[in-house]
Amino acid sequence: MIAKRGLSGIKQWFKKRFNKWLNQRIPAANEQSLGNRNIFIVPTKFGYAYVFSVLILFLLGTNYQNNLIILMSYLFASVFLTSMMYSFFNLSRLKFFFNSNVTAYATQTVSIPLAILSKKQRFDINFVFENNDKAYAAVINAGESDINVPFQAVTRGVNNPGRLKISSEYAFGLFVCWTHLDFSCEVLTYPEKKVFNHIKHEAADLHEELIGNTVSEGGDDFGELRQYKQGESNAKIAWKQLARGQGWLTKTTQQELGSTIWLTLQQLPSSPIETKLQMLCFLVLDHHKSNVPFGLELDNLKIEPSTGSLHIKNCLQALALYGKGKAYSSSNVEAEH
């Protein structure tokens, strides 16, 4: 147990030092271009075995003074060096652009878009984020192309996928050519998307703060009769009452404004805070789907009742950042509903 802890501590120390070195050598930027400074290349296990085999051939050829075996060792060595050059140029001069803000629900796997500019076709390139185990492999064609790298946002809040590892074992699998790029990507993660049917049916009791059933003029419902005013539309004149000798009267219509729906933590059943936020997330999406105006109140934060995509974006963002003490400065957030 002590040995495992010591080994884990050593790994963490090397990882911390390596990341510090990477931050200095390959700083974060929305645009990255690959070249000598940020491409690394080492032989694979197969590559090391290949070099060992070439060395054995060379020793056998010199020991037995067999020129054919020596020639074969030279040929295999040249293939090894040529493979190294092909591996390097398969990544060299690739340009990457990241200019999007990504949102997700907790535990959801989302696609992080990445634009690529290449002057030629590239083969067998793998993409995987540092804080993720889902890889994406692609063949990149000449010109501009777009890829979507998967990332699973585990916890609510602002998640950083970490550096993007781009690697390739092209050609022949003798070398692995790789780099670690930081695009300063952040994933705004909403509460986990769950269905709470029991609170959906009780939403009227749990989440509505009635302000009174007020009415306003207009609509289709009959309101009242009042004295006719000069210049009013003939369509509003109460002709039946006029025929009965009740004088000139005008018919008014009205519409019921109804109640204002407020979604708050205090009105939810007793549960852990993350479960309550998941309930609010469910109710926000349900009201948005039904196009029902609603407001959201989280402690000192109050979002006035409304509808529409901007309103739901503000509500979901407030749920994502609740209690995190972080500000999310994105001005163009595309939520996946």
C-alpha atoms as a PDB file:
ATOM      1  CA  MET A   1       0.000   0.000   0.000  1.00  0.00           C
ATOM      2  CA  ILE A   2       2.803   2.410   0.902  1.00  0.00           C
ATOM      3  CA  ALA A   3       4.657   1.504  -2.293  1.00  0.00           C
ATOM      4  CA  LYS A   4       1.532   2.246  -4.385  1.00  0.00           C
ATOM      5  CA  ARG A   5       1.079   5.601  -2.692  1.00  0.00           C
ATOM      6  CA  GLY A   6       4.727   6.442  -3.298  1.00  0.00           C
ATOM      7  CA  LEU A   7       4.471   5.457  -6.972  1.00  0.00           C
ATOM      8  CA  SER A   8       1.269   7.499  -7.357  1.00  0.00           C
ATOM      9  CA  GLY A   9       2.968  10.498  -5.760  1.00  0.00           C
ATOM     10  CA  ILE A  10       5.911  10.220  -8.144  1.00  0.00           C
ATOM     11  CA  LYS A  11       3.560  10.035 -11.135  1.00  0.00           C
ATOM     12  CA  GLN A  12       1.677  13.115  -9.929  1.00  0.00           C
ATOM     13  CA  TRP A  13       4.949  14.983  -9.447  1.00  0.00           C
ATOM     14  CA  PHE A  14       6.154  14.165 -12.979  1.00  0.00           C
ATOM     15  CA  LYS A  15       2.741  15.036 -14.425  1.00  0.00           C
ATOM     16  CA  LYS A  16       2.751  18.403 -12.659  1.00  0.00           C
ATOM     17  CA  ARG A  17       6.268  19.184 -13.888  1.00  0.00           C
ATOM     18  CA  PHE A  18       5.395  18.062 -17.412  1.00  0.00           C
ATOM     19  CA  ASN A  19       2.250  20.221 -17.525  1.00  0.00           C
ATOM     20  CA  LYS A  20       4.235  23.204 -16.267  1.00  0.00           C
ATOM     21  CA  TRP A  21       6.776  22.651 -19.047  1.00  0.00           C
ATOM     22  CA  LEU A  22       3.962  22.276 -21.616  1.00  0.00           C
ATOM     23  CA  ASN A  23       2.399  25.565 -20.504  1.00  0.00           C
ATOM     24  CA  GLN A  24       5.661  27.325 -21.244  1.00  0.00           C
ATOM     25  CA  ARG A  25       6.435  25.540 -24.520  1.00  0.00           C
ATOM     26  CA  ILE A  26       2.883  25.302 -25.918  1.00  0.00           C
ATOM     27  CA  PRO A  27       0.799  28.114 -24.354  1.00  0.00           C
ATOM     28  CA  ALA A  28      -2.995  28.152 -24.584  1.00  0.00           C
ATOM     29  CA  ALA A  29      -4.532  29.784 -27.670  1.00  0.00           C
ATOM     30  CA  ASN A  30      -7.688  29.497 -29.790  1.00  0.00           C
ATOM     31  CA  GLU A  31      -5.526  28.996 -32.881  1.00  0.00           C
ATOM     32  CA  GLN A  32      -2.669  26.499 -32.977  1.00  0.00           C
ATOM     33  CA  SER A  33      -0.243  25.549 -35.756  1.00  0.00           C
ATOM     34  CA  LEU A  34       1.925  22.416 -35.607  1.00  0.00           C
ATOM     35  CA  GLY A  35       5.646  22.601 -36.259  1.00  0.00           C
ATOM     36  CA  ASN A  36       9.065  21.701 -34.881  1.00  0.00           C
ATOM     37  CA  ARG A  37       8.407  23.395 -31.537  1.00  0.00           C
ATOM     38  CA  ASN A  38       5.253  21.523 -30.557  1.00  0.00           C
ATOM     39  CA  ILE A  39       5.514  18.120 -32.294  1.00  0.00           C
ATOM     40  CA  PHE A  40       7.140  15.227 -30.440  1.00  0.00           C
ATOM     41  CA  ILE A  41       8.076  11.869 -31.944  1.00  0.00           C
ATOM     42  CA  VAL A  42       9.319   8.627 -30.380  1.00  0.00           C
ATOM     43  CA  PRO A  43       9.429   5.002 -31.582  1.00  0.00           C
ATOM     44  CA  THR A  44       6.560   2.717 -30.668  1.00  0.00           C
ATOM     45  CA  LYS A  45       7.105  -0.678 -29.029  1.00  0.00           C
ATOM     46  CA  PHE A  46       7.031  -2.153 -32.497  1.00  0.00           C
ATOM     47  CA  GLY A  47       9.559   0.491 -33.564  1.00  0.00           C
ATOM     48  CA  TYR A  48      11.984  -0.451 -30.785  1.00  0.00           C
ATOM     49  CA  ALA A  49      11.631  -4.132 -31.719  1.00  0.00           C
ATOM     50  CA  TYR A  50      12.254  -3.201 -35.344  1.00  0.00           C
ATOM     51  CA  VAL A  51      15.487  -1.323 -34.438  1.00  0.00           C
ATOM     52  CA  PHE A  52      16.631  -4.278 -32.342  1.00  0.00           C
ATOM     53  CA  SER A  53      16.030  -6.616 -35.301  1.00  0.00           C
ATOM     54  CA  VAL A  54      17.976  -4.340 -37.644  1.00  0.00           C
ATOM     55  CA  LEU A  55      20.858  -4.265 -35.150  1.00  0.00           C
ATOM     56  CA  ILE A  56      20.865  -8.075 -34.930  1.00  0.00           C
ATOM     57  CA  LEU A  57      20.957  -8.316 -38.737  1.00  0.00           C
ATOM     58  CA  PHE A  58      23.850  -5.882 -38.897  1.00  0.00           C
ATOM     59  CA  LEU A  59      25.836  -7.824 -36.260  1.00  0.00           C
ATOM     60  CA  LEU A  60      25.180 -11.113 -38.035  1.00  0.00           C
ATOM     61  CA  GLY A  61      26.259  -9.626 -41.364  1.00  0.00           C
ATOM     62  CA  THR A  62      29.508  -8.218 -39.984  1.00  0.00           C
ATOM     63  CA  ASN A  63      30.264 -11.340 -37.957  1.00  0.00           C
ATOM     64  CA  TYR A  64      29.875 -13.663 -40.934  1.00  0.00           C
ATOM     65  CA  GLN A  65      31.090 -11.063 -43.419  1.00  0.00           C
ATOM     66  CA  ASN A  66      27.877 -11.476 -45.419  1.00  0.00           C
ATOM     67  CA  ASN A  67      27.357  -8.403 -47.573  1.00  0.00           C
ATOM     68  CA  LEU A  68      23.767  -9.376 -48.434  1.00  0.00           C
ATOM     69  CA  ILE A  69      22.711  -9.397 -44.779  1.00  0.00           C
ATOM     70  CA  ILE A  70      24.537  -6.102 -44.197  1.00  0.00           C
ATOM     71  CA  LEU A  71      22.742  -4.616 -47.224  1.00  0.00           C
ATOM     72  CA  MET A  72      19.389  -5.784 -45.841  1.00  0.00           C
ATOM     73  CA  SER A  73      20.156  -4.167 -42.486  1.00  0.00           C
ATOM     74  CA  TYR A  74      20.955  -0.887 -44.270  1.00  0.00           C
ATOM     75  CA  LEU A  75      17.731  -1.147 -46.268  1.00  0.00           C
ATOM     76  CA  PHE A  76      15.633  -1.764 -43.148  1.00  0.00           C
ATOM     77  CA  ALA A  77      17.391   1.102 -41.377  1.00  0.00           C
ATOM     78  CA  SER A  78      16.558   3.449 -44.253  1.00  0.00           C
ATOM     79  CA  VAL A  79      12.902   2.356 -44.033  1.00  0.00           C
ATOM     80  CA  PHE A  80      12.987   3.205 -40.332  1.00  0.00           C
ATOM     81  CA  LEU A  81      14.355   6.705 -40.955  1.00  0.00           C
ATOM     82  CA  THR A  82      11.963   7.309 -43.858  1.00  0.00           C
ATOM     83  CA  SER A  83       9.035   6.269 -41.652  1.00  0.00           C
ATOM     84  CA  MET A  84      10.181   8.799 -39.051  1.00  0.00           C
ATOM     85  CA  MET A  85      10.085  11.600 -41.645  1.00  0.00           C
ATOM     86  CA  TYR A  86       6.656  10.553 -42.928  1.00  0.00           C
ATOM     87  CA  SER A  87       5.324  10.423 -39.354  1.00  0.00           C
ATOM     88  CA  PHE A  88       6.530  13.940 -38.649  1.00  0.00           C
ATOM     89  CA  PHE A  89       5.256  15.486 -41.895  1.00  0.00           C
ATOM     90  CA  ASN A  90       1.878  13.815 -41.392  1.00  0.00           C
ATOM     91  CA  LEU A  91       1.251  16.296 -38.539  1.00  0.00           C
ATOM     92  CA  SER A  92       3.513  19.171 -39.490  1.00  0.00           C
ATOM     93  CA  ARG A  93       1.890  22.433 -40.665  1.00  0.00           C
ATOM     94  CA  LEU A  94      -1.588  21.436 -39.581  1.00  0.00           C
ATOM     95  CA  LYS A  95      -3.596  24.411 -38.298  1.00  0.00           C
ATOM     96  CA  PHE A  96      -6.378  24.126 -35.724  1.00  0.00           C
ATOM     97  CA  PHE A  97      -9.032  26.686 -34.826  1.00  0.00           C
ATOM     98  CA  PHE A  98     -11.407  26.620 -31.865  1.00  0.00           C
ATOM     99  CA  ASN A  99     -13.993  29.407 -31.651  1.00  0.00           C
ATOM    100  CA  SER A 100     -17.115  28.007 -30.013  1.00  0.00           C
ATOM    101  CA  ASN A 101     -18.720  27.783 -26.613  1.00  0.00           C
ATOM    102  CA  VAL A 102     -20.067  24.377 -25.682  1.00  0.00           C
ATOM    103  CA  THR A 103     -22.795  23.431 -23.235  1.00  0.00           C
ATOM    104  CA  ALA A 104     -23.827  20.058 -21.887  1.00  0.00           C
ATOM    105  CA  TYR A 105     -25.840  18.341 -19.201  1.00  0.00           C
ATOM    106  CA  ALA A 106     -23.923  16.536 -16.454  1.00  0.00           C
ATOM    107  CA  THR A 107     -22.812  13.001 -17.446  1.00  0.00           C
ATOM    108  CA  GLN A 108     -23.655  13.798 -21.075  1.00  0.00           C
ATOM    109  CA  THR A 109     -21.106  13.238 -23.839  1.00  0.00           C
ATOM    110  CA  VAL A 110     -20.920  16.255 -26.123  1.00  0.00           C
ATOM    111  CA  SER A 111     -18.994  17.065 -29.280  1.00  0.00           C
ATOM    112  CA  ILE A 112     -16.456  19.874 -29.143  1.00  0.00           C
ATOM    113  CA  PRO A 113     -16.059  21.396 -32.631  1.00  0.00           C
ATOM    114  CA  LEU A 114     -12.615  21.958 -34.088  1.00  0.00           C
ATOM    115  CA  ALA A 115     -11.793  23.500 -37.465  1.00  0.00           C
ATOM    116  CA  ILE A 116      -8.713  22.213 -39.306  1.00  0.00           C
ATOM    117  CA  LEU A 117      -6.773  23.703 -42.204  1.00  0.00           C
ATOM    118  CA  SER A 118      -4.449  21.417 -44.165  1.00  0.00           C
ATOM    119  CA  LYS A 119      -2.608  21.742 -47.466  1.00  0.00           C
ATOM    120  CA  LYS A 120      -2.655  17.988 -48.074  1.00  0.00           C
ATOM    121  CA  GLN A 121      -4.374  14.825 -46.953  1.00  0.00           C
ATOM    122  CA  ARG A 122      -3.398  13.467 -43.527  1.00  0.00           C
ATOM    123  CA  PHE A 123      -3.882   9.895 -42.309  1.00  0.00           C
ATOM    124  CA  ASP A 124      -4.644   8.018 -39.086  1.00  0.00           C
ATOM    125  CA  ILE A 125      -4.831  10.988 -36.703  1.00  0.00           C
ATOM    126  CA  ASN A 126      -6.339  10.471 -33.247  1.00  0.00           C
ATOM    127  CA  PHE A 127      -7.828  13.134 -30.974  1.00  0.00           C
ATOM    128  CA  VAL A 128      -8.498  12.729 -27.251  1.00  0.00           C
ATOM    129  CA  PHE A 129      -8.852  15.238 -24.425  1.00  0.00           C
ATOM    130  CA  GLU A 130      -6.617  14.978 -21.383  1.00  0.00           C
ATOM    131  CA  ASN A 131      -9.523  14.689 -18.922  1.00  0.00           C
ATOM    132  CA  ASN A 132     -11.455  12.194 -21.018  1.00  0.00           C
ATOM    133  CA  ASP A 133     -11.083   8.648 -22.335  1.00  0.00           C
ATOM    134  CA  LYS A 134     -13.181   8.951 -25.507  1.00  0.00           C
ATOM    135  CA  ALA A 135     -10.992   9.161 -28.611  1.00  0.00           C
ATOM    136  CA  TYR A 136     -11.802  10.272 -32.135  1.00  0.00           C
ATOM    137  CA  ALA A 137      -9.893   9.056 -35.209  1.00  0.00           C
ATOM    138  CA  ALA A 138      -9.988  10.823 -38.561  1.00  0.00           C
ATOM    139  CA  VAL A 139      -8.473  11.137 -42.004  1.00  0.00           C
ATOM    140  CA  ILE A 140      -8.081  14.834 -42.761  1.00  0.00           C
ATOM    141  CA  ASN A 141      -8.529  15.938 -46.354  1.00  0.00           C
ATOM    142  CA  ALA A 142      -6.834  18.883 -48.021  1.00  0.00           C
ATOM    143  CA  GLY A 143      -8.449  22.260 -47.398  1.00  0.00           C
ATOM    144  CA  GLU A 144     -10.751  23.226 -44.537  1.00  0.00           C
ATOM    145  CA  SER A 145     -12.519  20.546 -42.549  1.00  0.00           C
ATOM    146  CA  ASP A 146     -14.386  20.236 -39.265  1.00  0.00           C
ATOM    147  CA  ILE A 147     -14.260  17.508 -36.658  1.00  0.00           C
ATOM    148  CA  ASN A 148     -16.113  16.955 -33.393  1.00  0.00           C
ATOM    149  CA  VAL A 149     -14.061  15.587 -30.511  1.00  0.00           C
ATOM    150  CA  PRO A 150     -16.149  13.810 -27.830  1.00  0.00           C
ATOM    151  CA  PHE A 151     -15.991  14.921 -24.214  1.00  0.00           C
ATOM    152  CA  GLN A 152     -18.025  13.736 -21.240  1.00  0.00           C
ATOM    153  CA  ALA A 153     -18.909  16.521 -18.829  1.00  0.00           C
ATOM    154  CA  VAL A 154     -19.058  14.707 -15.495  1.00  0.00           C
ATOM    155  CA  THR A 155     -19.959  17.401 -12.977  1.00  0.00           C
ATOM    156  CA  ARG A 156     -22.170  20.493 -13.003  1.00  0.00           C
ATOM    157  CA  GLY A 157     -20.458  23.837 -13.483  1.00  0.00           C
ATOM    158  CA  VAL A 158     -17.645  24.919 -15.799  1.00  0.00           C
ATOM    159  CA  ASN A 159     -15.597  21.928 -16.962  1.00  0.00           C
ATOM    160  CA  ASN A 160     -12.214  22.181 -18.652  1.00  0.00           C
ATOM    161  CA  PRO A 161     -11.516  19.235 -20.984  1.00  0.00           C
ATOM    162  CA  GLY A 162      -7.799  19.874 -20.603  1.00  0.00           C
ATOM    163  CA  ARG A 163      -5.230  19.691 -23.348  1.00  0.00           C
ATOM    164  CA  LEU A 164      -6.135  17.956 -26.584  1.00  0.00           C
ATOM    165  CA  LYS A 165      -3.736  15.138 -27.443  1.00  0.00           C
ATOM    166  CA  ILE A 166      -3.296  14.740 -31.198  1.00  0.00           C
ATOM    167  CA  SER A 167      -1.325  11.658 -32.201  1.00  0.00           C
ATOM    168  CA  SER A 168      -0.603   9.415 -35.173  1.00  0.00           C
ATOM    169  CA  GLU A 169       1.347   6.217 -35.815  1.00  0.00           C
ATOM    170  CA  TYR A 170       1.419   6.753 -39.545  1.00  0.00           C
ATOM    171  CA  ALA A 171       3.260   5.266 -41.363  1.00  0.00           C
ATOM    172  CA  PHE A 172       3.971   1.561 -40.615  1.00  0.00           C
ATOM    173  CA  GLY A 173       3.414   2.048 -36.883  1.00  0.00           C
ATOM    174  CA  LEU A 174       7.133   2.449 -36.182  1.00  0.00           C
ATOM    175  CA  PHE A 175       6.786   5.901 -34.622  1.00  0.00           C
ATOM    176  CA  VAL A 176       4.148   7.745 -32.639  1.00  0.00           C
ATOM    177  CA  CYS A 177       4.032  11.445 -33.448  1.00  0.00           C
ATOM    178  CA  TRP A 178       2.045  13.544 -30.975  1.00  0.00           C
ATOM    179  CA  THR A 179       1.362  16.922 -29.446  1.00  0.00           C
ATOM    180  CA  HIS A 180      -0.681  18.421 -26.583  1.00  0.00           C
ATOM    181  CA  LEU A 181      -2.618  21.575 -27.502  1.00  0.00           C
ATOM    182  CA  ASP A 182      -4.552  23.834 -25.138  1.00  0.00           C
ATOM    183  CA  PHE A 183      -7.467  25.738 -26.722  1.00  0.00           C
ATOM    184  CA  SER A 184      -8.731  27.232 -23.429  1.00  0.00           C
ATOM    185  CA  CYS A 185     -11.947  25.333 -24.000  1.00  0.00           C
ATOM    186  CA  GLU A 186     -14.640  25.416 -21.311  1.00  0.00           C
ATOM    187  CA  VAL A 187     -17.835  23.371 -21.213  1.00  0.00           C
ATOM    188  CA  LEU A 188     -20.718  24.972 -19.326  1.00  0.00           C
ATOM    189  CA  THR A 189     -22.437  21.980 -17.707  1.00  0.00           C
ATOM    190  CA  TYR A 190     -26.059  22.111 -16.596  1.00  0.00           C
ATOM    191  CA  PRO A 191     -27.522  19.796 -13.919  1.00  0.00           C
ATOM    192  CA  GLU A 192     -28.010  16.210 -15.011  1.00  0.00           C
ATOM    193  CA  LYS A 193     -30.987  15.764 -17.291  1.00  0.00           C
ATOM    194  CA  LYS A 194     -33.488  13.551 -15.476  1.00  0.00           C
ATOM    195  CA  VAL A 195     -37.257  13.014 -15.591  1.00  0.00           C
ATOM    196  CA  PHE A 196     -39.230  13.741 -12.424  1.00  0.00           C
ATOM    197  CA  ASN A 197     -42.813  12.881 -13.316  1.00  0.00           C
ATOM    198  CA  HIS A 198     -43.975  13.125  -9.696  1.00  0.00           C
ATOM    199  CA  ILE A 199     -43.049  16.817  -9.442  1.00  0.00           C
ATOM    200  CA  LYS A 200     -44.360  17.521 -12.930  1.00  0.00           C
ATOM    201  CA  HIS A 201     -47.894  16.735 -11.760  1.00  0.00           C
ATOM    202  CA  GLU A 202     -47.373  18.706  -8.551  1.00  0.00           C
ATOM    203  CA  ALA A 203     -45.744  21.703 -10.235  1.00  0.00           C
ATOM    204  CA  ALA A 204     -48.802  23.886  -9.732  1.00  0.00           C
ATOM    205  CA  ASP A 205     -48.566  23.438  -5.942  1.00  0.00           C
ATOM    206  CA  LEU A 206     -44.778  23.430  -5.680  1.00  0.00           C
ATOM    207  CA  HIS A 207     -43.711  26.178  -8.044  1.00  0.00           C
ATOM    208  CA  GLU A 208     -46.529  28.684  -8.637  1.00  0.00           C
ATOM    209  CA  GLU A 209     -46.724  31.897  -6.665  1.00  0.00           C
ATOM    210  CA  LEU A 210     -50.182  33.228  -7.476  1.00  0.00           C
ATOM    211  CA  ILE A 211     -50.358  36.966  -7.918  1.00  0.00           C
ATOM    212  CA  GLY A 212     -54.104  36.951  -8.572  1.00  0.00           C
ATOM    213  CA  ASN A 213     -56.113  36.240 -11.653  1.00  0.00           C
ATOM    214  CA  THR A 214     -56.004  39.684 -13.158  1.00  0.00           C
ATOM    215  CA  VAL A 215     -57.667  40.616 -16.418  1.00  0.00           C
ATOM    216  CA  SER A 216     -56.953  43.074 -19.161  1.00  0.00           C
ATOM    217  CA  GLU A 217     -58.891  44.419 -22.105  1.00  0.00           C
ATOM    218  CA  GLY A 218     -58.742  42.482 -25.327  1.00  0.00           C
ATOM    219  CA  GLY A 219     -59.125  38.793 -25.990  1.00  0.00           C
ATOM    220  CA  ASP A 220     -62.206  36.764 -26.824  1.00  0.00           C
ATOM    221  CA  ASP A 221     -64.126  36.723 -23.522  1.00  0.00           C
ATOM    222  CA  PHE A 222     -67.043  39.091 -22.900  1.00  0.00           C
ATOM    223  CA  GLY A 223     -66.269  41.743 -20.319  1.00  0.00           C
ATOM    224  CA  GLU A 224     -69.000  44.304 -19.640  1.00  0.00           C
ATOM    225  CA  LEU A 225     -71.292  46.911 -21.126  1.00  0.00           C
ATOM    226  CA  ARG A 226     -70.409  50.570 -20.765  1.00  0.00           C
ATOM    227  CA  GLN A 227     -71.606  53.870 -22.164  1.00  0.00           C
ATOM    228  CA  TYR A 228     -70.904  54.441 -25.838  1.00  0.00           C
ATOM    229  CA  LYS A 229     -68.239  57.024 -26.657  1.00  0.00           C
ATOM    230  CA  GLN A 230     -68.221  59.081 -29.817  1.00  0.00           C
ATOM    231  CA  GLY A 231     -65.963  57.569 -32.488  1.00  0.00           C
ATOM    232  CA  GLU A 232     -65.908  53.972 -31.213  1.00  0.00           C
ATOM    233  CA  SER A 233     -66.159  51.159 -33.750  1.00  0.00           C
ATOM    234  CA  ASN A 234     -69.647  50.127 -34.829  1.00  0.00           C
ATOM    235  CA  ALA A 235     -68.594  46.486 -34.298  1.00  0.00           C
ATOM    236  CA  LYS A 236     -68.468  47.143 -30.544  1.00  0.00           C
ATOM    237  CA  ILE A 237     -71.947  48.679 -30.275  1.00  0.00           C
ATOM    238  CA  ALA A 238     -74.459  46.546 -28.353  1.00  0.00           C
ATOM    239  CA  TRP A 239     -77.158  46.546 -31.051  1.00  0.00           C
ATOM    240  CA  LYS A 240     -79.520  44.232 -29.142  1.00  0.00           C
ATOM    241  CA  GLN A 241     -79.612  46.540 -26.133  1.00  0.00           C
ATOM    242  CA  LEU A 242     -80.107  49.533 -28.438  1.00  0.00           C
ATOM    243  CA  ALA A 243     -83.088  47.815 -30.057  1.00  0.00           C
ATOM    244  CA  ARG A 244     -84.603  47.218 -26.641  1.00  0.00           C
ATOM    245  CA  GLY A 245     -84.376  50.896 -25.867  1.00  0.00           C
ATOM    246  CA  GLN A 246     -81.557  50.629 -23.351  1.00  0.00           C
ATOM    247  CA  GLY A 247     -79.552  53.324 -25.100  1.00  0.00           C
ATOM    248  CA  TRP A 248     -76.162  53.392 -26.767  1.00  0.00           C
ATOM    249  CA  LEU A 249     -73.822  50.898 -25.105  1.00  0.00           C
ATOM    250  CA  THR A 250     -70.443  49.421 -26.010  1.00  0.00           C
ATOM    251  CA  LYS A 251     -69.416  45.777 -25.506  1.00  0.00           C
ATOM    252  CA  THR A 252     -65.939  45.200 -24.062  1.00  0.00           C
ATOM    253  CA  THR A 253     -63.846  42.024 -24.130  1.00  0.00           C
ATOM    254  CA  GLN A 254     -61.217  40.844 -21.706  1.00  0.00           C
ATOM    255  CA  GLN A 255     -58.576  38.159 -21.232  1.00  0.00           C
ATOM    256  CA  GLU A 256     -57.379  36.502 -18.065  1.00  0.00           C
ATOM    257  CA  LEU A 257     -53.731  37.071 -17.406  1.00  0.00           C
ATOM    258  CA  GLY A 258     -53.559  34.105 -15.075  1.00  0.00           C
ATOM    259  CA  SER A 259     -50.844  33.436 -12.523  1.00  0.00           C
ATOM    260  CA  THR A 260     -47.098  33.946 -12.539  1.00  0.00           C
ATOM    261  CA  ILE A 261     -45.063  30.745 -12.214  1.00  0.00           C
ATOM    262  CA  TRP A 262     -41.915  30.962 -10.114  1.00  0.00           C
ATOM    263  CA  LEU A 263     -39.472  28.057  -9.842  1.00  0.00           C
ATOM    264  CA  THR A 264     -37.527  28.149  -6.563  1.00  0.00           C
ATOM    265  CA  LEU A 265     -35.432  25.805  -4.443  1.00  0.00           C
ATOM    266  CA  GLN A 266     -37.462  26.465  -1.308  1.00  0.00           C
ATOM    267  CA  GLN A 267     -40.688  25.063  -2.767  1.00  0.00           C
ATOM    268  CA  LEU A 268     -39.121  21.736  -3.784  1.00  0.00           C
ATOM    269  CA  PRO A 269     -39.350  18.537  -1.711  1.00  0.00           C
ATOM    270  CA  SER A 270     -36.552  17.967   0.797  1.00  0.00           C
ATOM    271  CA  SER A 271     -33.604  16.543  -1.166  1.00  0.00           C
ATOM    272  CA  PRO A 272     -29.848  17.059  -1.652  1.00  0.00           C
ATOM    273  CA  ILE A 273     -29.030  20.318  -3.415  1.00  0.00           C
ATOM    274  CA  GLU A 274     -27.886  18.587  -6.624  1.00  0.00           C
ATOM    275  CA  THR A 275     -31.181  16.668  -6.809  1.00  0.00           C
ATOM    276  CA  LYS A 276     -33.112  19.899  -6.329  1.00  0.00           C
ATOM    277  CA  LEU A 277     -31.165  21.530  -9.149  1.00  0.00           C
ATOM    278  CA  GLN A 278     -31.929  18.527 -11.367  1.00  0.00           C
ATOM    279  CA  MET A 279     -35.629  18.967 -10.516  1.00  0.00           C
ATOM    280  CA  LEU A 280     -35.465  22.658 -11.422  1.00  0.00           C
ATOM    281  CA  CYS A 281     -33.675  21.797 -14.656  1.00  0.00           C
ATOM    282  CA  PHE A 282     -36.459  19.339 -15.519  1.00  0.00           C
ATOM    283  CA  LEU A 283     -39.164  21.923 -14.753  1.00  0.00           C
ATOM    284  CA  VAL A 284     -37.355  24.640 -16.741  1.00  0.00           C
ATOM    285  CA  LEU A 285     -37.171  22.397 -19.802  1.00  0.00           C
ATOM    286  CA  ASP A 286     -40.768  21.222 -19.338  1.00  0.00           C
ATOM    287  CA  HIS A 287     -42.148  24.776 -19.118  1.00  0.00           C
ATOM    288  CA  HIS A 288     -40.020  25.831 -22.093  1.00  0.00           C
ATOM    289  CA  LYS A 289     -41.328  22.906 -24.131  1.00  0.00           C
ATOM    290  CA  SER A 290     -44.903  23.885 -23.256  1.00  0.00           C
ATOM    291  CA  ASN A 291     -44.122  27.562 -23.993  1.00  0.00           C
ATOM    292  CA  VAL A 292     -45.380  28.542 -20.539  1.00  0.00           C
ATOM    293  CA  PRO A 293     -43.921  31.793 -19.082  1.00  0.00           C
ATOM    294  CA  PHE A 294     -42.013  31.172 -15.858  1.00  0.00           C
ATOM    295  CA  GLY A 295     -39.482  32.846 -13.606  1.00  0.00           C
ATOM    296  CA  LEU A 296     -36.526  31.421 -11.699  1.00  0.00           C
ATOM    297  CA  GLU A 297     -35.374  32.456  -8.231  1.00  0.00           C
ATOM    298  CA  LEU A 298     -32.133  31.141  -6.726  1.00  0.00           C
ATOM    299  CA  ASP A 299     -31.276  32.884  -3.452  1.00  0.00           C
ATOM    300  CA  ASN A 300     -30.380  36.450  -4.492  1.00  0.00           C
ATOM    301  CA  LEU A 301     -30.657  35.736  -8.223  1.00  0.00           C
ATOM    302  CA  LYS A 302     -34.038  36.437  -9.766  1.00  0.00           C
ATOM    303  CA  ILE A 303     -34.855  35.921 -13.458  1.00  0.00           C
ATOM    304  CA  GLU A 304     -38.169  37.503 -14.373  1.00  0.00           C
ATOM    305  CA  PRO A 305     -40.887  35.343 -15.998  1.00  0.00           C
ATOM    306  CA  SER A 306     -40.571  35.038 -19.755  1.00  0.00           C
ATOM    307  CA  THR A 307     -40.287  32.542 -22.598  1.00  0.00           C
ATOM    308  CA  GLY A 308     -37.936  31.929 -25.515  1.00  0.00           C
ATOM    309  CA  SER A 309     -34.443  30.602 -26.155  1.00  0.00           C
ATOM    310  CA  LEU A 310     -32.621  33.482 -24.430  1.00  0.00           C
ATOM    311  CA  HIS A 311     -34.713  33.049 -21.293  1.00  0.00           C
ATOM    312  CA  ILE A 312     -34.078  29.306 -21.007  1.00  0.00           C
ATOM    313  CA  LYS A 313     -30.366  29.871 -21.701  1.00  0.00           C
ATOM    314  CA  ASN A 314     -30.186  32.323 -18.786  1.00  0.00           C
ATOM    315  CA  CYS A 315     -32.082  29.937 -16.495  1.00  0.00           C
ATOM    316  CA  LEU A 316     -29.955  26.898 -17.338  1.00  0.00           C
ATOM    317  CA  GLN A 317     -26.763  28.944 -16.972  1.00  0.00           C
ATOM    318  CA  ALA A 318     -27.910  30.087 -13.515  1.00  0.00           C
ATOM    319  CA  LEU A 319     -28.552  26.464 -12.510  1.00  0.00           C
ATOM    320  CA  ALA A 320     -25.150  25.397 -13.836  1.00  0.00           C
ATOM    321  CA  LEU A 321     -23.245  28.033 -11.862  1.00  0.00           C
ATOM    322  CA  TYR A 322     -25.313  27.937  -8.658  1.00  0.00           C
ATOM    323  CA  GLY A 323     -23.004  27.666  -5.662  1.00  0.00           C
ATOM    324  CA  LYS A 324     -19.874  27.438  -7.829  1.00  0.00           C
ATOM    325  CA  GLY A 325     -18.669  30.981  -7.294  1.00  0.00           C
ATOM    326  CA  LYS A 326     -17.664  31.250 -10.940  1.00  0.00           C
ATOM    327  CA  ALA A 327     -18.632  33.615 -13.702  1.00  0.00           C
ATOM    328  CA  TYR A 328     -19.105  32.330 -17.227  1.00  0.00           C
ATOM    329  CA  SER A 329     -18.275  35.047 -19.746  1.00  0.00           C
ATOM    330  CA  SER A 330     -19.532  33.316 -22.896  1.00  0.00           C
ATOM    331  CA  SER A 331     -21.606  35.538 -25.117  1.00  0.00           C
ATOM    332  CA  ASN A 332     -22.629  32.888 -27.598  1.00  0.00           C
ATOM    333  CA  VAL A 333     -23.820  29.770 -25.883  1.00  0.00           C
ATOM    334  CA  GLU A 334     -25.540  27.041 -27.844  1.00  0.00           C
ATOM    335  CA  ALA A 335     -27.466  24.730 -25.562  1.00  0.00           C
ATOM    336  CA  GLU A 336     -28.303  21.221 -26.627  1.00  0.00           C
ATOM    337  CA  HIS A 337     -31.882  20.648 -25.535  1.00  0.00           C
END
